[in-house]
Protein backbone atom coordinates (compact mmCIF):
# COMPACT_ATOMS: atom_id res chain seq x y z
CA MET A 1 0.43 -0.07 0.06
CA ARG A 2 2.47 2.46 0.78
CA ARG A 3 4.64 0.83 -2.56
CA ALA A 4 0.95 2.17 -4.17
CA VAL A 5 0.67 5.94 -2.73
CA PHE A 6 4.54 6.24 -2.92
CA TYR A 7 3.96 6.11 -7.12
CA VAL A 8 0.50 8.00 -7.18
CA VAL A 9 2.38 10.68 -5.57
CA LEU A 10 5.43 10.42 -7.96
CA GLY A 11 2.37 10.07 -10.78
CA LEU A 12 1.10 13.35 -9.19
CA ALA A 13 4.17 14.70 -9.41
CA ALA A 14 5.53 14.14 -12.74
CA VAL A 15 2.20 15.09 -14.32
CA ALA A 16 2.02 18.21 -12.81
CA PHE A 17 5.98 18.99 -13.64
CA LEU A 18 5.04 17.80 -17.35
CA TYR A 19 2.15 19.72 -18.44
CA PRO A 20 2.79 22.94 -18.30
CA PHE A 21 5.77 22.39 -21.22
CA LEU A 22 2.75 19.90 -23.01
CA TRP A 23 0.85 22.82 -22.80
CA MET A 24 2.87 25.45 -24.10
CA ALA A 25 3.66 22.13 -27.11
CA ALA A 26 -0.09 22.33 -28.03
CA THR A 27 -0.86 26.10 -28.12
CA THR A 28 2.15 26.32 -30.46
CA PHE A 29 -0.98 24.21 -32.57
CA LYS A 30 -3.66 26.28 -31.20
CA SER A 31 -5.62 28.96 -33.83
CA PRO A 32 -6.25 32.31 -31.66
CA ALA A 33 -9.37 31.29 -29.77
CA GLU A 34 -8.32 28.88 -28.31
CA VAL A 35 -5.22 30.57 -26.97
CA GLY A 36 -6.27 30.82 -23.49
CA GLY A 37 -7.96 27.45 -22.66
CA LEU A 38 -6.22 24.82 -20.62
CA SER A 39 -6.93 21.56 -22.73
CA LEU A 40 -3.46 19.93 -24.59
CA ILE A 41 -5.88 18.93 -28.27
CA PRO A 42 -6.71 21.86 -30.22
CA ASP A 43 -9.69 21.34 -31.76
CA GLN A 44 -8.10 23.01 -35.23
CA PRO A 45 -4.97 22.31 -35.31
CA THR A 46 -2.74 24.27 -37.52
CA LEU A 47 0.74 25.44 -38.42
CA GLU A 48 0.20 29.53 -39.11
CA ASN A 49 1.96 30.17 -35.70
CA TYR A 50 4.79 28.56 -36.21
CA ARG A 51 5.31 30.39 -39.93
CA LEU A 52 4.29 33.27 -38.60
CA MET A 53 6.52 33.35 -36.59
CA TRP A 54 9.64 32.44 -39.04
CA ALA A 55 8.12 34.83 -41.40
CA ARG A 56 8.07 38.33 -38.94
CA ALA A 57 11.68 37.14 -37.88
CA PRO A 58 14.67 35.65 -38.84
CA PHE A 59 15.07 32.67 -37.33
CA GLY A 60 16.17 30.54 -39.14
CA ARG A 61 19.11 32.45 -39.01
CA ALA A 62 19.04 32.22 -35.02
CA LEU A 63 18.88 28.64 -35.15
CA ILE A 64 22.13 28.57 -37.39
CA ASN A 65 24.03 30.60 -35.25
CA SER A 66 22.68 29.28 -31.78
CA LEU A 67 23.48 25.96 -33.35
CA PHE A 68 27.47 27.11 -34.70
CA VAL A 69 28.13 29.24 -31.34
CA ALA A 70 26.25 26.57 -28.67
CA THR A 71 28.78 23.58 -30.40
CA THR A 72 31.99 25.81 -30.78
CA ILE A 73 32.21 26.86 -26.68
CA THR A 74 31.20 22.92 -25.81
CA VAL A 75 34.26 21.36 -28.05
CA SER A 76 36.16 24.39 -26.74
CA VAL A 77 35.27 23.63 -23.24
CA LEU A 78 35.67 20.04 -23.87
CA VAL A 79 39.48 20.22 -25.57
CA PHE A 80 41.21 23.06 -23.14
CA GLY A 81 39.00 21.90 -19.96
CA SER A 82 39.89 18.34 -20.35
CA ALA A 83 43.91 19.73 -21.03
CA ALA A 84 43.38 21.28 -18.46
CA ALA A 85 42.53 18.87 -16.01
CA TYR A 86 44.65 16.54 -17.12
CA ALA A 87 48.00 19.08 -16.49
CA LEU A 88 46.16 20.36 -12.42
CA ALA A 89 45.72 16.09 -12.31
CA ARG A 90 48.66 14.10 -13.35
CA LEU A 91 51.67 16.06 -14.54
CA ARG A 92 54.15 18.32 -11.71
CA PHE A 93 54.96 21.08 -12.39
CA PRO A 94 55.26 24.64 -9.88
CA GLY A 95 52.28 26.35 -9.39
CA ARG A 96 49.83 23.05 -9.58
CA GLY A 97 48.59 23.62 -6.37
CA ILE A 98 48.29 28.24 -6.62
CA LEU A 99 45.82 27.16 -10.38
CA ASN A 100 44.38 24.58 -8.54
CA THR A 101 43.63 26.96 -5.30
CA VAL A 102 42.80 29.62 -8.12
CA THR A 103 39.81 27.13 -10.08
CA VAL A 104 38.19 27.33 -7.66
CA ALA A 105 38.31 31.02 -6.27
CA VAL A 106 36.94 31.64 -9.86
CA LEU A 107 34.10 29.60 -9.59
CA LEU A 108 33.00 31.65 -6.38
CA VAL A 109 33.43 35.14 -7.86
CA PRO A 110 29.64 35.83 -10.05
CA ALA A 111 29.80 36.08 -13.25
CA GLN A 112 28.05 39.16 -13.16
CA LEU A 113 31.07 41.16 -11.73
CA THR A 114 32.78 40.18 -14.54
CA LEU A 115 30.58 41.69 -17.10
CA ILE A 116 31.59 44.92 -17.08
CA PRO A 117 35.10 44.36 -17.55
CA THR A 118 34.85 41.78 -20.74
CA TYR A 119 32.69 43.89 -21.50
CA THR A 120 34.94 46.68 -22.22
CA LEU A 121 37.88 44.24 -23.67
CA ILE A 122 35.84 42.77 -25.87
CA VAL A 123 35.09 46.71 -27.71
CA GLU A 124 38.88 47.39 -26.95
CA LEU A 125 39.77 44.54 -29.01
CA GLY A 126 37.20 45.38 -31.70
CA TRP A 127 35.08 42.07 -31.84
CA ILE A 128 31.46 44.05 -30.99
CA ASP A 129 29.25 42.36 -33.77
CA SER A 130 30.54 38.69 -34.16
CA TYR A 131 30.84 35.20 -33.67
CA ALA A 132 34.09 36.41 -31.40
CA ALA A 133 32.60 38.02 -29.37
CA LEU A 134 29.78 35.32 -28.15
CA ILE A 135 31.86 32.91 -28.10
CA ALA A 136 35.58 34.34 -26.77
CA PRO A 137 34.59 33.88 -22.88
CA TYR A 138 33.23 31.11 -22.96
CA VAL A 139 36.01 28.88 -23.73
CA PHE A 140 37.33 28.43 -20.27
CA ASN A 141 34.61 26.31 -17.72
CA ALA A 142 36.00 26.07 -13.82
CA MET A 143 34.12 24.19 -13.39
CA ALA A 144 34.51 21.39 -16.30
CA ILE A 145 38.65 21.15 -15.31
CA LEU A 146 36.71 20.27 -11.81
CA ILE A 147 34.98 17.84 -12.52
CA LEU A 148 37.38 16.15 -14.63
CA ARG A 149 40.41 16.88 -12.90
CA GLN A 150 38.54 14.77 -10.86
CA PHE A 151 37.69 11.91 -13.07
CA PHE A 152 41.43 12.48 -14.33
CA LEU A 153 42.42 11.52 -10.42
CA GLN A 154 41.13 8.63 -10.27
CA VAL A 155 42.49 6.59 -13.59
CA PRO A 156 45.83 4.60 -12.58
CA ARG A 157 48.58 5.52 -13.29
CA SER A 158 50.16 2.19 -14.93
CA LEU A 159 48.09 3.09 -18.04
CA MET A 160 50.14 6.27 -18.59
CA ASP A 161 52.54 4.11 -17.70
CA SER A 162 52.41 1.79 -19.76
CA ALA A 163 50.59 4.37 -22.69
CA ARG A 164 54.46 6.91 -22.47
CA LEU A 165 56.21 2.92 -22.83
CA ASP A 166 55.06 2.56 -26.74
CA GLY A 167 56.08 6.55 -26.91
CA MET A 168 53.11 7.85 -26.41
CA GLY A 169 53.20 12.59 -25.57
CA GLU A 170 51.01 14.02 -23.11
CA LEU A 171 48.16 15.15 -25.74
CA ARG A 172 48.22 11.34 -27.44
CA ILE A 173 47.81 9.97 -23.57
CA LEU A 174 44.97 12.44 -22.96
CA PHE A 175 42.85 11.79 -26.41
CA THR A 176 43.35 8.18 -26.78
CA VAL A 177 43.40 6.47 -23.34
CA PHE A 178 42.08 9.48 -20.96
CA TRP A 179 38.77 11.01 -23.10
CA PRO A 180 37.60 7.19 -24.32
CA LEU A 181 37.26 6.03 -20.35
CA ALA A 182 36.72 10.07 -18.94
CA LYS A 183 32.58 9.90 -21.70
CA ALA A 184 30.92 10.25 -18.95
CA PRO A 185 31.71 12.62 -17.03
CA LEU A 186 32.67 14.43 -20.69
CA ALA A 187 29.12 13.65 -21.72
CA THR A 188 28.24 15.66 -18.24
CA VAL A 189 30.81 19.12 -19.67
CA GLY A 190 29.12 18.89 -22.95
CA ILE A 191 25.61 18.76 -21.93
CA LEU A 192 26.23 21.32 -19.04
CA THR A 193 27.71 23.56 -21.19
CA PHE A 194 26.36 23.39 -24.17
CA MET A 195 23.10 24.62 -22.39
CA GLY A 196 23.79 27.20 -20.14
CA ALA A 197 25.99 28.59 -24.21
CA TRP A 198 22.17 27.65 -25.94
CA ASN A 199 20.44 29.14 -23.36
CA GLU A 200 22.92 32.12 -22.83
CA VAL A 201 20.40 36.26 -23.87
CA LEU A 202 22.46 38.44 -21.92
CA TRP A 203 25.82 38.21 -23.00
CA PRO A 204 24.29 38.43 -26.98
CA LEU A 205 22.16 41.52 -25.70
CA LEU A 206 25.60 43.53 -24.64
CA VAL A 207 27.63 42.64 -27.35
CA VAL A 208 25.55 41.45 -30.94
CA ARG A 209 22.79 44.28 -31.70
CA ASP A 210 23.61 42.60 -36.14
CA GLU A 211 20.03 40.76 -36.23
CA GLN A 212 21.68 38.58 -38.41
CA LEU A 213 24.62 37.90 -35.72
CA MET A 214 21.74 37.69 -33.05
CA THR A 215 21.08 33.99 -31.01
CA LEU A 216 18.15 32.16 -30.89
CA PRO A 217 17.37 33.41 -27.54
CA GLN A 218 18.90 36.48 -28.51
CA LEU A 219 16.10 37.23 -30.98
CA LEU A 220 13.70 35.35 -29.13
CA THR A 221 13.98 37.91 -26.29
CA VAL A 222 14.08 40.72 -29.20
CA PHE A 223 10.61 38.93 -30.75
CA SER A 224 8.88 39.07 -27.20
CA LEU A 225 9.67 42.25 -25.93
CA GLY A 226 9.53 44.88 -29.36
CA GLY A 227 5.87 43.25 -30.68
CA GLY A 228 7.40 40.90 -33.77
CA ALA A 229 4.61 38.79 -32.68
CA GLY A 230 2.05 40.78 -32.62
CA PRO A 231 -0.86 42.40 -29.74
CA ARG A 232 -1.76 40.34 -27.70
CA GLN A 233 -0.08 36.73 -30.11
CA LEU A 234 0.91 34.21 -27.63
CA ALA A 235 1.05 31.01 -30.28
CA PRO A 236 4.02 33.09 -31.74
CA LYS A 237 5.60 33.23 -28.81
CA LEU A 238 5.55 30.04 -27.68
CA ALA A 239 6.44 28.29 -30.70
CA ALA A 240 9.59 30.57 -30.78
CA ALA A 241 10.22 28.95 -27.80
CA MET A 242 10.05 25.79 -28.65
CA VAL A 243 12.45 26.24 -31.24
CA LEU A 244 14.60 26.66 -28.68
CA VAL A 245 13.95 23.94 -26.52
CA VAL A 246 14.54 21.58 -28.72
CA PRO A 247 17.32 20.93 -29.46
CA VAL A 248 18.55 21.07 -25.96
CA VAL A 249 15.95 18.71 -25.34
CA ALA A 250 17.16 16.21 -27.90
CA ALA A 251 21.26 16.61 -27.00
CA TYR A 252 20.21 15.89 -23.61
CA THR A 253 17.81 12.93 -24.27
CA PHE A 254 20.66 11.70 -26.56
CA LEU A 255 23.63 11.81 -23.71
CA GLN A 256 21.22 11.01 -20.96
CA ARG A 257 22.86 7.82 -20.71
CA TYR A 258 25.95 9.37 -19.25
CA PHE A 259 24.81 12.00 -17.81
CA ILE A 260 23.32 9.94 -15.00
CA GLU A 261 26.59 7.39 -15.19
CA SER A 262 28.13 10.36 -14.06
CA MET A 263 25.85 12.02 -11.39
CA ALA A 264 25.40 7.79 -9.06
CA SER A 265 29.48 8.09 -10.05
CA THR A 266 30.10 10.61 -7.66
CA GLY A 267 28.87 9.05 -4.69
CA ILE A 268 31.40 5.89 -5.58
CA LYS A 269 34.65 6.22 -3.35
CA GLY A 270 37.18 4.40 -2.94
């Protein structure tokens, strides 16, 4: 009986969590007269809201921009973050302890605190209205370094010694020995980095004014708050939001096994 009650409560919680998202998805296919209803099944399904969205703003270009920026940032964080984590975990050099401390300290600094200095630097470099302004501030991630470093510390040193006896260099050891073993933490870092880069809206609003360079969240904000959807038209705004949500859901669905495995392994000691 307790188990039955437990599953009923979990089921109700799941419905409460999923209903707003399902309602948003259903509303994108509703006519203006149906938008106010709570039904999840449109009486007369239509794609007019998506047509209006694509016609009133360059969402296609914004989608490509977001994919390029988020993918580039994710790949950069994985490559540079894993290299830094490998050096901090396995190499001996002067100042390693200080760098470990600085990496942790970076996490204690609010991002808003560095917003103005970073913006000033981007202006001085002449990178306003460019992909470099969107990508450069995010190519290194302290959290990614810490996650990967913690995993690399658990890799047996005998594997490194064997690889060095075979004549491998440090970079080759990293990418051919450590990366295959670190699929779960790499997937976790990849998902978190991609989601963060994909959903970022404040920084693009500061450094990009050209509509052709806007990312999807930025254009969605301008589209919604600037009146691009039209007066009191909720459905086109929700259609634009669905275009923003789908790639993240797809990425998480593809990598969720590794993500859950990494989260579960953090509780294993020894």
